[in-house]
Amino acid sequence: PYRPALFASAGIAPGRGLATVMELTHGLGGSAVVRGDADEGGKSIWVTLPLRRGLR
């Protein structure tokens, strides 16, 4: 499967979905990684966000 670079400019990679995910994730102080599936049939995007106390 196609695994775009996480920090590629929107003009280089097709689609804008991953760029949107990265912008939101970084804006919230998190990180993201694109990982291939074990059978090479797809990909997963792992997003990690910080926990904040006092939010409701």
N, C-alpha and C. Protein backbone atom coordinates (compact mmCIF):
# COMPACT_ATOMS: atom_id res chain seq x y z
N PRO A 1 0.82 -1.20 0.00
CA PRO A 1 0.00 0.00 0.00
C PRO A 1 0.86 1.26 0.00
N TYR A 2 0.26 2.32 -0.39
CA TYR A 2 0.96 3.60 -0.41
C TYR A 2 1.08 4.12 1.02
N ARG A 3 2.28 4.44 1.44
CA ARG A 3 2.52 4.99 2.78
C ARG A 3 3.21 6.34 2.62
N PRO A 4 2.42 7.41 2.59
CA PRO A 4 3.02 8.73 2.39
C PRO A 4 3.89 9.15 3.56
N ALA A 5 4.84 10.01 3.28
CA ALA A 5 5.67 10.56 4.35
C ALA A 5 4.79 11.42 5.26
N LEU A 6 5.04 11.35 6.55
CA LEU A 6 4.21 12.10 7.49
C LEU A 6 4.33 13.60 7.31
N PHE A 7 5.51 14.09 6.92
CA PHE A 7 5.73 15.52 6.85
C PHE A 7 5.86 16.04 5.43
N ALA A 8 5.37 15.30 4.43
CA ALA A 8 5.42 15.76 3.04
C ALA A 8 4.46 16.92 2.85
N SER A 9 4.81 17.83 1.97
CA SER A 9 3.90 18.95 1.71
C SER A 9 2.68 18.43 0.96
N ALA A 10 1.59 19.14 1.08
CA ALA A 10 0.33 18.70 0.47
C ALA A 10 0.43 18.64 -1.04
N GLY A 11 1.33 19.43 -1.65
CA GLY A 11 1.48 19.43 -3.10
C GLY A 11 2.20 18.20 -3.63
N ILE A 12 2.94 17.49 -2.79
CA ILE A 12 3.71 16.33 -3.24
C ILE A 12 2.89 15.05 -3.17
N ALA A 13 2.22 14.81 -2.06
CA ALA A 13 1.49 13.57 -1.84
C ALA A 13 0.04 13.72 -2.30
N PRO A 14 -0.52 12.65 -2.88
CA PRO A 14 -1.93 12.71 -3.27
C PRO A 14 -2.82 12.71 -2.02
N GLY A 15 -3.97 13.35 -2.12
CA GLY A 15 -4.88 13.40 -0.98
C GLY A 15 -4.41 14.37 0.08
N ARG A 16 -5.30 14.71 0.99
CA ARG A 16 -4.94 15.65 2.05
C ARG A 16 -5.29 15.10 3.42
N GLY A 17 -5.83 13.89 3.49
CA GLY A 17 -6.29 13.32 4.76
C GLY A 17 -5.19 13.20 5.79
N LEU A 18 -4.04 12.65 5.39
CA LEU A 18 -2.95 12.48 6.34
C LEU A 18 -2.39 13.82 6.79
N ALA A 19 -2.34 14.79 5.90
CA ALA A 19 -1.88 16.13 6.28
C ALA A 19 -2.80 16.74 7.32
N THR A 20 -4.11 16.52 7.17
CA THR A 20 -5.08 17.03 8.15
C THR A 20 -4.89 16.36 9.49
N VAL A 21 -4.71 15.04 9.49
CA VAL A 21 -4.48 14.29 10.73
C VAL A 21 -3.22 14.81 11.42
N MET A 22 -2.14 15.00 10.66
CA MET A 22 -0.89 15.47 11.25
C MET A 22 -1.02 16.87 11.83
N GLU A 23 -1.70 17.76 11.13
CA GLU A 23 -1.86 19.13 11.62
C GLU A 23 -2.66 19.15 12.93
N LEU A 24 -3.74 18.40 12.98
CA LEU A 24 -4.55 18.35 14.20
C LEU A 24 -3.78 17.69 15.35
N THR A 25 -3.09 16.60 15.04
CA THR A 25 -2.34 15.87 16.07
C THR A 25 -1.24 16.74 16.67
N HIS A 26 -0.47 17.39 15.82
CA HIS A 26 0.62 18.26 16.31
C HIS A 26 0.07 19.47 17.04
N GLY A 27 -1.07 19.99 16.59
CA GLY A 27 -1.69 21.12 17.26
C GLY A 27 -2.12 20.80 18.68
N LEU A 28 -2.42 19.53 18.93
CA LEU A 28 -2.82 19.08 20.26
C LEU A 28 -1.65 18.55 21.08
N GLY A 29 -0.43 18.65 20.54
CA GLY A 29 0.75 18.21 21.27
C GLY A 29 1.02 16.72 21.16
N GLY A 30 0.47 16.08 20.15
CA GLY A 30 0.65 14.63 19.99
C GLY A 30 1.63 14.26 18.90
N SER A 31 1.62 12.97 18.56
CA SER A 31 2.48 12.45 17.50
C SER A 31 1.72 11.40 16.70
N ALA A 32 2.21 11.09 15.50
CA ALA A 32 1.57 10.10 14.65
C ALA A 32 2.62 9.31 13.88
N VAL A 33 2.29 8.04 13.58
CA VAL A 33 3.19 7.15 12.85
C VAL A 33 2.35 6.34 11.87
N VAL A 34 2.83 6.17 10.64
CA VAL A 34 2.18 5.29 9.67
C VAL A 34 2.90 3.95 9.72
N ARG A 35 2.16 2.88 9.97
CA ARG A 35 2.74 1.53 10.04
C ARG A 35 2.03 0.61 9.06
N GLY A 36 2.81 -0.22 8.39
CA GLY A 36 2.23 -1.19 7.49
C GLY A 36 1.68 -2.38 8.25
N ASP A 37 0.63 -3.01 7.72
CA ASP A 37 0.08 -4.22 8.31
C ASP A 37 1.04 -5.38 8.12
N ALA A 38 0.90 -6.41 8.95
CA ALA A 38 1.79 -7.57 8.89
C ALA A 38 1.72 -8.27 7.54
N ASP A 39 0.56 -8.30 6.91
CA ASP A 39 0.41 -8.99 5.62
C ASP A 39 0.68 -8.08 4.43
N GLU A 40 1.14 -6.85 4.69
CA GLU A 40 1.45 -5.87 3.63
C GLU A 40 0.22 -5.49 2.81
N GLY A 41 -0.98 -5.72 3.35
CA GLY A 41 -2.20 -5.42 2.61
C GLY A 41 -2.81 -4.07 2.94
N GLY A 42 -2.22 -3.35 3.86
CA GLY A 42 -2.80 -2.06 4.24
C GLY A 42 -1.87 -1.31 5.17
N LYS A 43 -2.44 -0.31 5.83
CA LYS A 43 -1.64 0.49 6.74
C LYS A 43 -2.51 0.93 7.91
N SER A 44 -1.84 1.34 8.98
CA SER A 44 -2.50 1.89 10.15
C SER A 44 -1.82 3.21 10.49
N ILE A 45 -2.60 4.14 10.96
CA ILE A 45 -2.05 5.41 11.42
C ILE A 45 -2.25 5.44 12.93
N TRP A 46 -1.14 5.43 13.66
CA TRP A 46 -1.17 5.45 15.13
C TRP A 46 -1.02 6.88 15.59
N VAL A 47 -2.00 7.37 16.33
CA VAL A 47 -1.98 8.73 16.86
C VAL A 47 -1.90 8.66 18.37
N THR A 48 -1.00 9.43 18.95
CA THR A 48 -0.85 9.51 20.40
C THR A 48 -1.08 10.95 20.82
N LEU A 49 -2.01 11.13 21.76
CA LEU A 49 -2.32 12.46 22.27
C LEU A 49 -2.06 12.53 23.76
N PRO A 50 -1.62 13.68 24.26
CA PRO A 50 -1.37 13.80 25.70
C PRO A 50 -2.69 13.87 26.47
N LEU A 51 -2.68 13.36 27.69
CA LEU A 51 -3.84 13.46 28.57
C LEU A 51 -3.76 14.78 29.32
N ARG A 52 -4.88 15.42 29.47
CA ARG A 52 -4.92 16.69 30.20
C ARG A 52 -5.94 16.57 31.32
N ARG A 53 -5.56 17.03 32.47
CA ARG A 53 -6.48 17.01 33.61
C ARG A 53 -7.37 18.24 33.58
N GLY A 54 -8.57 18.07 34.10
CA GLY A 54 -9.46 19.21 34.26
C GLY A 54 -10.31 19.54 33.05
N LEU A 55 -10.19 18.81 31.95
CA LEU A 55 -11.03 19.07 30.78
C LEU A 55 -12.34 18.32 30.92
N ARG A 56 -13.40 18.97 30.50
CA ARG A 56 -14.72 18.31 30.55
C ARG A 56 -15.40 18.44 29.23
